[in-house]
Every structure is written in structure tokens, then in C-alpha cells.
């Protein structure tokens, strides 16, 4: 998928849920989306328990976030984490057939969960997760694109942070 498509998929997801990408010193918009996504997923995975780090940042489980990133994206990532919990647990999806974008979001999060567990997100595995053939045919491509865009954005955020840390070490 072209990088512009990743940004477009994420912009639509953020807009439909009232989320915003924070203004931070990352390379671009996709990295800013990646920060909110990475922090939100890490918060949810750590049951919303943040631990302070010695350098002034915070840690959710094994994921470290700097103080600047925490201040920039803490609120939005917290909102995202609750949104993801709501979607994943079906509270935002009482009637899946009536809400196409809700179905896309739910399927994308299911694909991410399967991928993290090492299970390929195929039509068969999606059917085992409770999706109908019609839902998979209608929403599968858009959901796969959103799931991929989320993964790419988080990777780009982490890469940008590693490069910035390496540049600081070289400068010192």
C-alpha cells in the first residue's frame, strides 16, 4: 500500500472517532498517528497501568514513552485505548450490519489481534472469529488496509524515535 493510503486510512479512523494526532517533533503525520496508536495499544495491553521511568518518561508494560511524548499524546492515547476496548468487546457494535465503519474497525482490530498472535488473518480465520462471508467480502479489504496502516504507523513512530536517540548519542 502506498504511504498516502496509510495516512488516508488512519485519518479516516481518527476523524470518525474524534481523535487527533498530537503536534510533536516527529518526522510527519504518520509518525504522530503512530505515537497515539502505540501508546494507546500499550496502555490497553498493560491494563491502563503506567509506571514512571527513571528518565522522566513512562512505561506501559515493556513499552517506554518519553515525557514529551506522554505530554503530547497521553490524553488521545487514553481515549484510543478505551475506544479499542469498546470496539474489541463489541460495546460499540451492537448491530454490526447497521454500521459499516464500525464493522471495518472491529475487523481491523481482529486482524491486528490475530497477527500479534502469529495467526494469519485469512477469510477462514475471520469466519472462525464470527464474521460472515458477506461481511468479509464487503469490509475485508478496507479492514486489512486499516490494520496494515496501524502497524506501519507504529513502526514508523518507533523508527523515528530510535533514529532521534541515535542522533543524540552521535552528537554527544
Protein backbone atom coordinates (compact mmCIF):
# COMPACT_ATOMS: atom_id res chain seq x y z
CA UNK A 1 0.00 0.00 0.00
CA UNK A 2 1.28 3.48 -0.82
CA UNK A 3 2.17 5.69 2.21
CA UNK A 4 -0.55 8.17 1.25
CA UNK A 5 -3.10 5.37 1.55
CA UNK A 6 -1.83 4.58 5.05
CA UNK A 7 -2.27 8.19 6.10
CA UNK A 8 -5.69 8.33 4.46
CA UNK A 9 -6.90 5.17 6.24
CA UNK A 10 -5.63 6.46 9.58
CA UNK A 11 -7.03 9.96 9.03
CA UNK A 12 -10.47 8.46 8.39
CA UNK A 13 -10.20 6.25 11.51
CA UNK A 14 -9.07 9.15 13.71
CA UNK A 15 -11.72 11.51 12.28
CA UNK A 16 -14.63 9.11 12.72
CA UNK A 17 -13.69 8.61 16.38
CA UNK A 18 -12.90 12.25 17.16
CA UNK A 19 -9.19 11.59 17.77
CA UNK A 20 -6.40 13.98 16.80
CA UNK A 21 -2.71 13.45 16.10
CA UNK A 22 -0.63 15.49 18.56
CA UNK A 23 1.80 18.18 17.50
CA UNK A 24 5.22 16.76 18.32
CA UNK A 25 8.64 16.80 16.74
CA UNK A 26 8.28 13.62 14.70
CA UNK A 27 9.03 13.34 11.01
CA UNK A 28 5.45 13.56 9.82
CA UNK A 29 1.76 12.87 10.27
CA UNK A 30 2.06 9.09 10.07
CA UNK A 31 4.54 9.08 12.97
CA UNK A 32 2.17 11.24 15.02
CA UNK A 33 -0.64 8.76 14.35
CA UNK A 34 1.83 6.02 15.27
CA UNK A 35 2.54 7.62 18.65
CA UNK A 36 -1.14 7.70 19.60
CA UNK A 37 -1.65 4.14 18.36
CA UNK A 38 1.48 2.74 20.02
CA UNK A 39 0.74 4.41 23.35
CA UNK A 40 -2.96 3.52 23.20
CA UNK A 41 -2.38 -0.16 22.41
CA UNK A 42 0.40 -0.36 25.02
CA UNK A 43 -1.88 1.22 27.64
CA UNK A 44 -4.66 -1.24 26.88
CA UNK A 45 -2.26 -4.21 26.92
CA UNK A 46 -0.94 -3.06 30.32
CA UNK A 47 -4.48 -2.67 31.74
CA UNK A 48 -4.04 1.13 31.74
CA UNK A 49 -1.24 0.95 34.32
CA UNK A 50 1.65 3.32 33.61
CA UNK A 51 4.90 3.09 35.53
CA UNK A 52 7.27 6.06 35.74
CA UNK A 53 10.77 5.63 34.32
CA UNK A 54 13.99 6.98 35.81
CA UNK A 55 14.47 9.36 32.86
CA UNK A 56 11.13 11.10 33.40
CA UNK A 57 9.20 9.08 30.86
CA UNK A 58 6.57 6.42 31.38
CA UNK A 59 6.31 2.73 30.67
CA UNK A 60 3.30 0.60 29.83
CA UNK A 61 4.48 -2.96 30.32
CA UNK A 62 7.66 -3.13 28.24
CA UNK A 63 6.91 -0.05 26.11
CA UNK A 64 8.71 3.17 27.08
CA UNK A 65 7.41 6.62 26.12
CA UNK A 66 9.33 9.82 26.77
CA UNK A 67 7.93 12.58 28.92
CA UNK A 68 7.45 14.77 25.82
CA UNK A 69 5.51 12.02 24.03
CA UNK A 70 3.44 11.35 27.15
CA UNK A 71 2.53 15.04 27.45
CA UNK A 72 1.72 15.31 23.74
CA UNK A 73 -0.32 12.15 23.30
CA UNK A 74 -1.33 10.89 26.74
CA UNK A 75 -4.92 12.10 26.53
CA UNK A 76 -5.55 10.96 22.95
CA UNK A 77 -3.89 7.60 23.51
CA UNK A 78 -6.02 7.04 26.62
CA UNK A 79 -9.14 7.81 24.58
CA UNK A 80 -7.93 5.45 21.86
CA UNK A 81 -7.26 2.66 24.36
CA UNK A 82 -10.82 2.91 25.71
CA UNK A 83 -12.20 3.08 22.18
CA UNK A 84 -10.25 -0.05 21.20
CA UNK A 85 -11.56 -1.83 24.28
CA UNK A 86 -15.11 -0.81 23.44
CA UNK A 87 -14.77 -1.93 19.82
CA UNK A 88 -12.97 -5.16 20.67
CA UNK A 89 -15.54 -6.09 23.28
CA UNK A 90 -18.41 -5.27 20.95
CA UNK A 91 -19.88 -2.43 23.00
CA UNK A 92 -19.58 -0.06 20.03
CA UNK A 93 -21.05 -2.64 17.69
CA UNK A 94 -24.48 -3.66 18.93
CA UNK A 95 -25.77 -4.17 15.39
CA UNK A 96 -22.80 -4.78 13.09
CA UNK A 97 -24.90 -4.80 9.93
CA UNK A 98 -26.08 -1.24 10.56
CA UNK A 99 -22.61 0.26 10.92
CA UNK A 100 -20.19 -0.34 8.05
CA UNK A 101 -17.32 1.70 9.53
CA UNK A 102 -17.81 0.05 12.91
CA UNK A 103 -17.53 -3.33 11.22
CA UNK A 104 -14.34 -2.23 9.40
CA UNK A 105 -12.82 -1.05 12.70
CA UNK A 106 -13.81 -4.25 14.50
CA UNK A 107 -12.45 -6.44 11.71
CA UNK A 108 -9.19 -4.43 11.54
CA UNK A 109 -8.67 -4.82 15.30
CA UNK A 110 -9.43 -8.53 15.00
CA UNK A 111 -6.83 -8.78 12.22
CA UNK A 112 -4.27 -7.00 14.42
CA UNK A 113 -5.01 -9.35 17.32
CA UNK A 114 -4.66 -12.41 15.08
CA UNK A 115 -1.44 -11.07 13.58
CA UNK A 116 0.06 -10.41 17.02
CA UNK A 117 -0.79 -13.99 17.98
CA UNK A 118 1.00 -15.27 14.86
CA UNK A 119 -2.22 -16.37 13.18
CA UNK A 120 -2.70 -15.24 9.56
CA UNK A 121 -5.84 -13.18 9.04
CA UNK A 122 -7.41 -15.20 6.24
CA UNK A 123 -11.08 -15.38 5.30
CA UNK A 124 -11.23 -18.74 7.08
CA UNK A 125 -9.80 -17.40 10.33
CA UNK A 126 -12.08 -14.35 10.13
CA UNK A 127 -15.04 -16.70 9.69
CA UNK A 128 -13.89 -18.60 12.80
CA UNK A 129 -13.89 -15.23 14.60
CA UNK A 130 -17.59 -14.88 13.79
CA UNK A 131 -17.60 -12.77 10.63
CA UNK A 132 -19.97 -13.80 7.87
CA UNK A 133 -18.80 -14.36 4.29
CA UNK A 134 -20.71 -11.24 3.23
CA UNK A 135 -19.02 -9.12 5.93
CA UNK A 136 -15.60 -10.42 4.93
CA UNK A 137 -16.27 -9.72 1.26
CA UNK A 138 -17.66 -6.25 1.93
CA UNK A 139 -15.24 -4.99 4.58
CA UNK A 140 -12.21 -7.27 4.45
CA UNK A 141 -10.05 -5.20 2.12
CA UNK A 142 -10.66 -1.91 3.90
CA UNK A 143 -10.13 -3.57 7.29
CA UNK A 144 -6.87 -5.14 6.10
CA UNK A 145 -5.69 -1.75 4.85
CA UNK A 146 -6.54 -0.10 8.18
CA UNK A 147 -4.80 -2.86 10.17
CA UNK A 148 -1.72 -2.54 7.96
CA UNK A 149 -1.76 1.26 8.25
CA UNK A 150 -1.86 1.00 12.06
CA UNK A 151 1.13 -1.35 12.06
CA UNK A 152 3.10 0.81 9.63
CA UNK A 153 2.39 3.99 11.62
CA UNK A 154 3.56 2.43 14.87
CA UNK A 155 6.70 1.05 13.20
CA UNK A 156 7.45 4.46 11.69
CA UNK A 157 6.99 6.15 15.09
CA UNK A 158 9.36 3.69 16.81
CA UNK A 159 11.90 4.02 13.97
CA UNK A 160 11.78 7.82 14.21
CA UNK A 161 12.37 7.64 17.97
CA UNK A 162 15.31 5.23 17.55
CA UNK A 163 16.88 7.47 14.89
CA UNK A 164 16.48 10.52 17.12
CA UNK A 165 18.10 8.67 20.04
CA UNK A 166 20.97 7.51 17.81
CA UNK A 167 21.48 11.07 16.54
CA UNK A 168 21.65 12.36 20.12
CA UNK A 169 24.26 9.73 21.01
CA UNK A 170 26.36 10.63 17.99
CA UNK A 171 26.13 14.34 18.81
CA UNK A 172 27.29 13.77 22.39
